[in-house]
Amino acid sequence: MLERGQRRLTPNLAQRAAKVYNLAPTAVPRSPRELPARLNATTLARDLAGFGYPGFAYLRPRHWTPKNPGEVLLGALAHSDLEPRLVEALPWVVLRYSTLDWNWVVREAKVRDLQNRLGFVVGLARQLAMRVGDEGKARSLVRLEAHLDRSRLAREDTLCRASLPEPERRWLIEQRPEAAKHWNLLTDWTADALRYAA
């Protein structure tokens, strides 16, 4: 019935099919519902483990419902205060799932004023791709970064750390890396600090 177009492919059925046929998470359709305003850190850690992120291998669930990595990435970027171990995983997600529907991800990021955070994370992923010698992914991420750069916001932000103490904010304004300065983010993350590449 599905093949003949006589039955609609619901998101729940699509997730079950992706699980049964062991499809890549990028094959999971996006949820028709609005993205959650606040992502639970425990859920995010489990989703990252489900994607195969090495930093959370110990959390790898036996029964995990696949999710679209683009939704998980946006949910994490929208978080106001995210643990560093979770922030560290975001460039890995971008690099691992570089074939995401980036038009949709960028559009949704712009709607939520997340393009600076996304641009910075994409830049870190590009550096990881270069570190492991994956020139194809590095080139596609350069194009994505340039696309995001055209809509870069002038407003200063943090990389999911709204609770930064004032002394640390002042220090980061002076000491942050050039990429963070370019994306108007108060963060000291660099590709050298990231432990995992896809």
Protein backbone atom coordinates (compact mmCIF):
# COMPACT_ATOMS: atom_id res chain seq x y z
CA MET A 1 0.00 0.00 0.00
CA LEU A 2 2.89 2.36 0.75
CA GLU A 3 4.57 1.57 -2.57
CA ARG A 4 1.34 2.19 -4.47
CA GLY A 5 0.65 5.44 -2.65
CA GLN A 6 -2.48 4.00 -1.01
CA ARG A 7 -1.14 4.49 2.51
CA ARG A 8 0.53 7.60 3.87
CA LEU A 9 4.01 7.20 5.36
CA THR A 10 3.60 8.64 8.84
CA PRO A 11 6.67 9.89 10.77
CA ASN A 12 6.21 7.07 13.30
CA LEU A 13 6.12 4.44 10.56
CA ALA A 14 9.13 6.03 8.85
CA GLN A 15 11.11 5.85 12.09
CA ARG A 16 10.16 2.20 12.55
CA ALA A 17 11.16 1.41 8.96
CA ALA A 18 14.51 3.20 9.42
CA LYS A 19 15.12 1.09 12.53
CA VAL A 20 14.07 -2.23 10.93
CA TYR A 21 16.11 -1.66 7.76
CA ASN A 22 19.04 -0.16 9.69
CA LEU A 23 18.99 3.02 7.59
CA ALA A 24 21.22 6.00 8.32
CA PRO A 25 19.60 8.60 10.62
CA THR A 26 19.65 11.08 7.72
CA ALA A 27 16.95 8.91 6.11
CA VAL A 28 14.63 9.57 9.05
CA PRO A 29 12.10 12.24 8.06
CA ARG A 30 11.93 15.38 10.13
CA SER A 31 9.23 15.61 12.73
CA PRO A 32 6.12 17.47 11.53
CA ARG A 33 5.93 19.10 14.97
CA GLU A 34 7.72 22.28 15.97
CA LEU A 35 11.25 21.74 17.24
CA PRO A 36 11.36 21.66 21.04
CA ALA A 37 12.20 25.01 22.62
CA ARG A 38 14.50 23.35 25.15
CA LEU A 39 16.30 20.08 24.60
CA ASN A 40 16.83 17.79 27.58
CA ALA A 41 20.59 17.16 28.10
CA THR A 42 20.01 13.48 28.95
CA THR A 43 17.98 12.95 25.78
CA LEU A 44 20.65 14.72 23.72
CA ALA A 45 23.39 12.50 25.19
CA ARG A 46 21.33 9.38 24.34
CA ASP A 47 20.68 10.63 20.80
CA LEU A 48 24.40 11.30 20.30
CA ALA A 49 25.15 7.80 21.58
CA GLY A 50 22.55 6.42 19.15
CA PHE A 51 24.29 8.24 16.30
CA GLY A 52 27.53 6.50 17.29
CA TYR A 53 29.35 9.43 18.90
CA PRO A 54 32.46 7.86 20.52
CA GLY A 55 32.33 10.17 23.55
CA PHE A 56 29.04 8.59 24.64
CA ALA A 57 29.71 4.99 23.58
CA TYR A 58 28.97 3.87 27.13
CA LEU A 59 25.41 5.23 26.76
CA ARG A 60 24.67 3.45 23.49
CA PRO A 61 21.04 2.34 23.90
CA ARG A 62 19.82 -1.13 22.97
CA HIS A 63 16.48 0.26 21.84
CA TRP A 64 16.80 3.67 20.30
CA THR A 65 14.32 5.35 18.01
CA PRO A 66 16.36 6.99 15.23
CA LYS A 67 16.03 10.75 14.93
CA ASN A 68 16.99 13.13 12.18
CA PRO A 69 20.48 14.52 13.03
CA GLY A 70 19.50 17.95 11.73
CA GLU A 71 16.73 18.24 14.32
CA VAL A 72 19.05 17.08 17.10
CA LEU A 73 21.74 19.56 16.01
CA LEU A 74 19.30 22.48 15.94
CA GLY A 75 17.81 21.49 19.29
CA ALA A 76 21.28 21.45 20.84
CA LEU A 77 22.29 24.79 19.29
CA ALA A 78 19.11 26.38 20.61
CA HIS A 79 19.96 25.35 24.16
CA SER A 80 20.90 28.28 26.39
CA ASP A 81 23.21 26.31 28.72
CA LEU A 82 24.67 23.06 27.44
CA GLU A 83 27.34 20.99 29.14
CA PRO A 84 30.75 21.23 27.41
CA ARG A 85 30.82 17.48 26.71
CA LEU A 86 27.63 17.93 24.66
CA VAL A 87 28.86 21.05 22.84
CA GLU A 88 32.03 19.14 21.93
CA ALA A 89 29.92 16.57 20.05
CA LEU A 90 28.23 19.06 17.71
CA PRO A 91 31.08 19.43 15.16
CA TRP A 92 31.25 15.62 15.06
CA VAL A 93 27.53 15.50 14.15
CA VAL A 94 28.06 18.04 11.34
CA LEU A 95 31.03 16.09 9.99
CA ARG A 96 29.46 12.64 10.38
CA TYR A 97 26.19 13.69 8.73
CA SER A 98 27.50 16.13 6.16
CA THR A 99 24.77 15.01 3.73
CA LEU A 100 21.99 16.50 5.86
CA ASP A 101 19.32 18.62 4.22
CA TRP A 102 21.37 21.77 4.87
CA ASN A 103 18.87 24.05 3.14
CA TRP A 104 16.32 23.10 5.79
CA VAL A 105 18.84 23.23 8.67
CA VAL A 106 20.08 26.71 7.65
CA ARG A 107 16.53 27.99 7.15
CA GLU A 108 15.49 26.74 10.60
CA ALA A 109 18.67 28.16 12.16
CA LYS A 110 17.91 31.58 10.69
CA VAL A 111 14.33 31.49 11.99
CA ARG A 112 15.78 30.92 15.49
CA ASP A 113 18.76 33.33 15.13
CA LEU A 114 21.18 30.42 15.44
CA GLN A 115 23.20 31.04 12.27
CA ASN A 116 26.25 32.29 14.17
CA ARG A 117 26.34 29.22 16.41
CA LEU A 118 25.79 26.94 13.42
CA GLY A 119 28.43 28.74 11.34
CA PHE A 120 31.01 28.39 14.10
CA VAL A 121 30.25 24.67 14.58
CA VAL A 122 30.41 24.09 10.81
CA GLY A 123 33.82 25.82 10.82
CA LEU A 124 35.05 23.46 13.55
CA ALA A 125 33.74 20.49 11.54
CA ARG A 126 35.57 21.78 8.45
CA GLN A 127 38.81 21.89 10.44
CA LEU A 128 38.19 18.32 11.62
CA ALA A 129 37.62 17.22 8.01
CA MET A 130 40.92 18.80 7.04
CA ARG A 131 42.65 17.11 10.01
CA VAL A 132 41.55 13.65 8.83
CA GLY A 133 42.24 14.46 5.17
CA ASP A 134 38.64 14.33 3.93
CA GLU A 135 38.90 17.00 1.24
CA GLY A 136 35.43 16.35 -0.19
CA LYS A 137 33.69 17.04 3.12
CA ALA A 138 35.99 19.99 3.81
CA ARG A 139 35.03 21.60 0.46
CA SER A 140 31.29 21.14 1.04
CA LEU A 141 31.61 22.57 4.57
CA VAL A 142 33.53 25.58 3.21
CA ARG A 143 30.56 26.30 0.92
CA LEU A 144 28.11 25.86 3.80
CA GLU A 145 30.17 28.17 6.00
CA ALA A 146 30.24 30.83 3.27
CA HIS A 147 26.46 30.54 2.86
CA LEU A 148 25.94 31.04 6.61
CA ASP A 149 28.43 33.92 6.66
CA ARG A 150 26.12 35.96 4.43
CA SER A 151 23.52 36.03 7.21
CA ARG A 152 25.92 36.43 10.16
CA LEU A 153 24.38 38.36 13.06
CA ALA A 154 26.13 41.36 14.63
CA ARG A 155 24.71 40.51 18.05
CA GLU A 156 27.19 38.92 20.47
CA ASP A 157 26.22 35.49 21.76
CA THR A 158 27.70 32.47 23.52
CA LEU A 159 28.00 28.92 22.28
CA CYS A 160 25.20 27.51 24.46
CA ARG A 161 26.58 29.09 27.68
CA ALA A 162 24.25 31.91 28.66
CA SER A 163 25.32 31.58 32.31
CA LEU A 164 28.90 32.71 31.65
CA PRO A 165 30.16 34.71 34.66
CA GLU A 166 31.02 38.32 33.89
CA PRO A 167 34.81 37.92 34.45
CA GLU A 168 34.88 35.01 31.99
CA ARG A 169 32.87 37.05 29.47
CA ARG A 170 35.41 39.88 29.70
CA TRP A 171 38.30 37.43 29.34
CA LEU A 172 36.70 35.76 26.27
CA ILE A 173 36.12 39.10 24.58
CA GLU A 174 39.92 39.55 24.59
CA GLN A 175 41.16 35.95 24.32
CA ARG A 176 38.68 34.10 22.11
CA PRO A 177 39.99 32.54 18.88
CA GLU A 178 39.62 34.43 15.60
CA ALA A 179 36.82 32.13 14.38
CA ALA A 180 34.76 32.85 17.51
CA LYS A 181 35.39 36.57 17.07
CA HIS A 182 34.27 36.33 13.44
CA TRP A 183 31.01 34.63 14.46
CA ASN A 184 30.49 37.06 17.40
CA LEU A 185 30.57 34.22 19.92
CA LEU A 186 32.03 34.23 23.40
CA THR A 187 33.73 30.82 23.43
CA ASP A 188 37.23 29.41 23.51
CA TRP A 189 36.44 26.21 21.58
CA THR A 190 38.95 25.30 18.86
CA ALA A 191 39.29 22.21 16.66
CA ASP A 192 42.42 21.28 18.63
CA ALA A 193 40.28 20.84 21.76
CA LEU A 194 37.94 18.36 20.05
CA ARG A 195 38.76 14.73 20.70
CA TYR A 196 36.73 13.02 18.00
CA ALA A 197 36.46 13.30 14.26
CA ALA A 198 33.98 11.26 12.20
